[in-house]
Amino acid sequence: VQLVESGGGLVQPGGSLRLSCAASGFTFRNYAMSWYRQAPGNERELVATITRVGGSTNYADSVKGRFTISRDNIKNMVYLQMNSLKPEDTALYYCYAKNTYGSSTYWGQGTQVTVSS
């Protein structure tokens, strides 16, 4: 099983990034997918979640209207489009998979996002 994030980097405030997460080794369409983030000294927090077929999404209040989560069940990919980035969005961003009953969960290794001028 692998979740491999990519797309992080350094961006100026107000800029955009698109994170990608490539999934393999499990039946992707059976898992809800989420993005979490963790800044130094802070607990890991949920950023966004998308259901198994993408019919429903949820976002943290801090990113609503700026971030968009999406998935491609053919390519086994999940994405996080991040617009209007702020310095407080700086964190290590993780991809997370959970099946319906929560009995099977997986984490990626994370990709760093730094928002700074």
C-alpha atoms as a PDB file:
ATOM      1  CA  VAL A   1       0.000   0.000   0.000  1.00  0.00           C
ATOM      2  CA  GLN A   2       1.262   3.448  -0.905  1.00  0.00           C
ATOM      3  CA  LEU A   3       0.017   7.008  -0.766  1.00  0.00           C
ATOM      4  CA  VAL A   4       2.523   9.321  -2.410  1.00  0.00           C
ATOM      5  CA  GLU A   5       1.985  13.061  -2.193  1.00  0.00           C
ATOM      6  CA  SER A   6       3.529  15.599  -4.534  1.00  0.00           C
ATOM      7  CA  GLY A   7       3.122  19.201  -5.591  1.00  0.00           C
ATOM      8  CA  GLY A   8       4.265  20.994  -2.468  1.00  0.00           C
ATOM      9  CA  GLY A   9       6.737  23.846  -2.516  1.00  0.00           C
ATOM     10  CA  LEU A  10       7.376  27.477  -1.731  1.00  0.00           C
ATOM     11  CA  VAL A  11       4.773  29.989  -2.862  1.00  0.00           C
ATOM     12  CA  GLN A  12       4.106  33.647  -2.164  1.00  0.00           C
ATOM     13  CA  PRO A  13       1.016  34.742  -0.239  1.00  0.00           C
ATOM     14  CA  GLY A  14      -1.963  34.875  -2.575  1.00  0.00           C
ATOM     15  CA  GLY A  15      -0.503  32.205  -4.796  1.00  0.00           C
ATOM     16  CA  SER A  16      -1.761  28.735  -5.682  1.00  0.00           C
ATOM     17  CA  LEU A  17      -0.556  25.161  -5.487  1.00  0.00           C
ATOM     18  CA  ARG A  18      -2.073  21.862  -6.495  1.00  0.00           C
ATOM     19  CA  LEU A  19      -1.231  18.854  -4.369  1.00  0.00           C
ATOM     20  CA  SER A  20      -1.576  15.345  -5.760  1.00  0.00           C
ATOM     21  CA  CYS A  21      -1.738  11.997  -4.009  1.00  0.00           C
ATOM     22  CA  ALA A  22      -1.166   8.778  -5.936  1.00  0.00           C
ATOM     23  CA  ALA A  23      -2.697   5.690  -4.336  1.00  0.00           C
ATOM     24  CA  SER A  24      -1.739   2.084  -4.944  1.00  0.00           C
ATOM     25  CA  GLY A  25      -2.055  -1.307  -3.320  1.00  0.00           C
ATOM     26  CA  PHE A  26      -5.678  -1.050  -2.217  1.00  0.00           C
ATOM     27  CA  THR A  27      -9.130  -0.615  -3.763  1.00  0.00           C
ATOM     28  CA  PHE A  28      -9.118   3.153  -4.033  1.00  0.00           C
ATOM     29  CA  ARG A  29     -12.805   3.573  -4.873  1.00  0.00           C
ATOM     30  CA  ASN A  30     -13.768   1.966  -1.545  1.00  0.00           C
ATOM     31  CA  TYR A  31     -12.007   4.629   0.491  1.00  0.00           C
ATOM     32  CA  ALA A  32     -12.917   8.147   1.481  1.00  0.00           C
ATOM     33  CA  MET A  33      -9.905  10.377   1.003  1.00  0.00           C
ATOM     34  CA  SER A  34      -8.726  13.314   3.051  1.00  0.00           C
ATOM     35  CA  TRP A  35      -5.975  15.861   3.281  1.00  0.00           C
ATOM     36  CA  TYR A  36      -4.539  16.723   6.683  1.00  0.00           C
ATOM     37  CA  ARG A  37      -1.846  19.187   7.594  1.00  0.00           C
ATOM     38  CA  GLN A  38       0.522  19.710  10.470  1.00  0.00           C
ATOM     39  CA  ALA A  39       2.491  22.836  11.209  1.00  0.00           C
ATOM     40  CA  PRO A  40       5.471  22.810  13.594  1.00  0.00           C
ATOM     41  CA  GLY A  41       4.275  22.755  17.178  1.00  0.00           C
ATOM     42  CA  ASN A  42       0.685  22.102  16.165  1.00  0.00           C
ATOM     43  CA  GLU A  43      -1.482  19.011  16.088  1.00  0.00           C
ATOM     44  CA  ARG A  44      -2.372  17.419  12.785  1.00  0.00           C
ATOM     45  CA  GLU A  45      -5.638  18.911  11.512  1.00  0.00           C
ATOM     46  CA  LEU A  46      -8.171  17.837   8.934  1.00  0.00           C
ATOM     47  CA  VAL A  47      -8.206  20.086   5.888  1.00  0.00           C
ATOM     48  CA  ALA A  48     -10.655  18.425   3.495  1.00  0.00           C
ATOM     49  CA  THR A  49     -12.453  15.141   2.869  1.00  0.00           C
ATOM     50  CA  ILE A  50     -14.091  13.637  -0.203  1.00  0.00           C
ATOM     51  CA  THR A  51     -16.373  10.610  -0.200  1.00  0.00           C
ATOM     52  CA  ARG A  52     -15.689   7.408  -2.111  1.00  0.00           C
ATOM     53  CA  VAL A  53     -17.356   8.468  -5.352  1.00  0.00           C
ATOM     54  CA  GLY A  54     -16.745  12.156  -4.862  1.00  0.00           C
ATOM     55  CA  GLY A  55     -20.351  13.062  -4.253  1.00  0.00           C
ATOM     56  CA  SER A  56     -19.671  14.970  -1.070  1.00  0.00           C
ATOM     57  CA  THR A  57     -16.848  17.102   0.261  1.00  0.00           C
ATOM     58  CA  ASN A  58     -16.119  18.791   3.570  1.00  0.00           C
ATOM     59  CA  TYR A  59     -13.612  21.463   4.484  1.00  0.00           C
ATOM     60  CA  ALA A  60     -12.099  23.025   7.539  1.00  0.00           C
ATOM     61  CA  ASP A  61     -13.509  26.493   8.106  1.00  0.00           C
ATOM     62  CA  SER A  62     -10.043  27.963   7.650  1.00  0.00           C
ATOM     63  CA  VAL A  63      -9.835  26.801   4.021  1.00  0.00           C
ATOM     64  CA  LYS A  64     -13.449  27.017   2.826  1.00  0.00           C
ATOM     65  CA  GLY A  65     -13.732  28.931  -0.405  1.00  0.00           C
ATOM     66  CA  ARG A  66      -9.994  28.696  -1.066  1.00  0.00           C
ATOM     67  CA  PHE A  67      -9.246  24.957  -1.278  1.00  0.00           C
ATOM     68  CA  THR A  68     -10.908  22.309  -3.410  1.00  0.00           C
ATOM     69  CA  ILE A  69     -10.536  18.552  -2.994  1.00  0.00           C
ATOM     70  CA  SER A  70     -11.207  16.216  -5.913  1.00  0.00           C
ATOM     71  CA  ARG A  71     -10.507  12.639  -6.913  1.00  0.00           C
ATOM     72  CA  ASP A  72     -10.133  10.471  -9.992  1.00  0.00           C
ATOM     73  CA  ASN A  73     -11.179   6.879  -9.322  1.00  0.00           C
ATOM     74  CA  ILE A  74      -9.780   5.760 -12.676  1.00  0.00           C
ATOM     75  CA  LYS A  75      -6.306   7.104 -12.039  1.00  0.00           C
ATOM     76  CA  ASN A  76      -6.432   6.415  -8.263  1.00  0.00           C
ATOM     77  CA  MET A  77      -5.568  10.007  -7.530  1.00  0.00           C
ATOM     78  CA  VAL A  78      -6.760  12.646  -5.100  1.00  0.00           C
ATOM     79  CA  TYR A  79      -5.991  16.334  -5.458  1.00  0.00           C
ATOM     80  CA  LEU A  80      -6.058  19.469  -3.353  1.00  0.00           C
ATOM     81  CA  GLN A  81      -6.242  22.730  -5.263  1.00  0.00           C
ATOM     82  CA  MET A  82      -5.130  25.518  -2.961  1.00  0.00           C
ATOM     83  CA  ASN A  83      -5.778  29.126  -3.938  1.00  0.00           C
ATOM     84  CA  SER A  84      -5.285  32.441  -2.154  1.00  0.00           C
ATOM     85  CA  LEU A  85      -2.654  30.844   0.038  1.00  0.00           C
ATOM     86  CA  LYS A  86      -1.785  32.474   3.347  1.00  0.00           C
ATOM     87  CA  PRO A  87       1.316  32.157   5.546  1.00  0.00           C
ATOM     88  CA  GLU A  88      -0.792  30.246   8.056  1.00  0.00           C
ATOM     89  CA  ASP A  89      -1.325  27.532   5.440  1.00  0.00           C
ATOM     90  CA  THR A  90       2.339  26.614   5.828  1.00  0.00           C
ATOM     91  CA  ALA A  91       2.498  22.983   6.945  1.00  0.00           C
ATOM     92  CA  LEU A  92       3.309  19.439   6.007  1.00  0.00           C
ATOM     93  CA  TYR A  93       0.312  18.142   4.051  1.00  0.00           C
ATOM     94  CA  TYR A  94      -0.670  14.493   4.292  1.00  0.00           C
ATOM     95  CA  CYS A  95      -2.932  12.301   2.222  1.00  0.00           C
ATOM     96  CA  TYR A  96      -5.174   9.915   4.200  1.00  0.00           C
ATOM     97  CA  ALA A  97      -7.402   7.024   3.177  1.00  0.00           C
ATOM     98  CA  LYS A  98     -10.149   5.440   5.265  1.00  0.00           C
ATOM     99  CA  ASN A  99     -12.625   2.731   4.361  1.00  0.00           C
ATOM    100  CA  THR A 100     -16.310   2.846   5.249  1.00  0.00           C
ATOM    101  CA  TYR A 101     -16.007   1.319   8.699  1.00  0.00           C
ATOM    102  CA  GLY A 102     -12.684   2.889   9.586  1.00  0.00           C
ATOM    103  CA  SER A 103     -11.147  -0.532   9.909  1.00  0.00           C
ATOM    104  CA  SER A 104      -8.521   0.204   7.288  1.00  0.00           C
ATOM    105  CA  THR A 105      -6.603   3.468   7.132  1.00  0.00           C
ATOM    106  CA  TYR A 106      -3.466   4.653   5.363  1.00  0.00           C
ATOM    107  CA  TRP A 107      -1.246   7.719   5.525  1.00  0.00           C
ATOM    108  CA  GLY A 108       1.131   9.212   3.029  1.00  0.00           C
ATOM    109  CA  GLN A 109       4.541  10.575   3.921  1.00  0.00           C
ATOM    110  CA  GLY A 110       3.592  14.218   3.449  1.00  0.00           C
ATOM    111  CA  THR A 111       4.564  17.087   1.191  1.00  0.00           C
ATOM    112  CA  GLN A 112       5.752  20.450   2.498  1.00  0.00           C
ATOM    113  CA  VAL A 113       3.887  23.633   1.643  1.00  0.00           C
ATOM    114  CA  THR A 114       5.525  26.919   2.583  1.00  0.00           C
ATOM    115  CA  VAL A 115       3.766  30.225   2.027  1.00  0.00           C
ATOM    116  CA  SER A 116       6.152  33.111   2.409  1.00  0.00           C
ATOM    117  CA  SER A 117       7.256  36.277   0.683  1.00  0.00           C
END
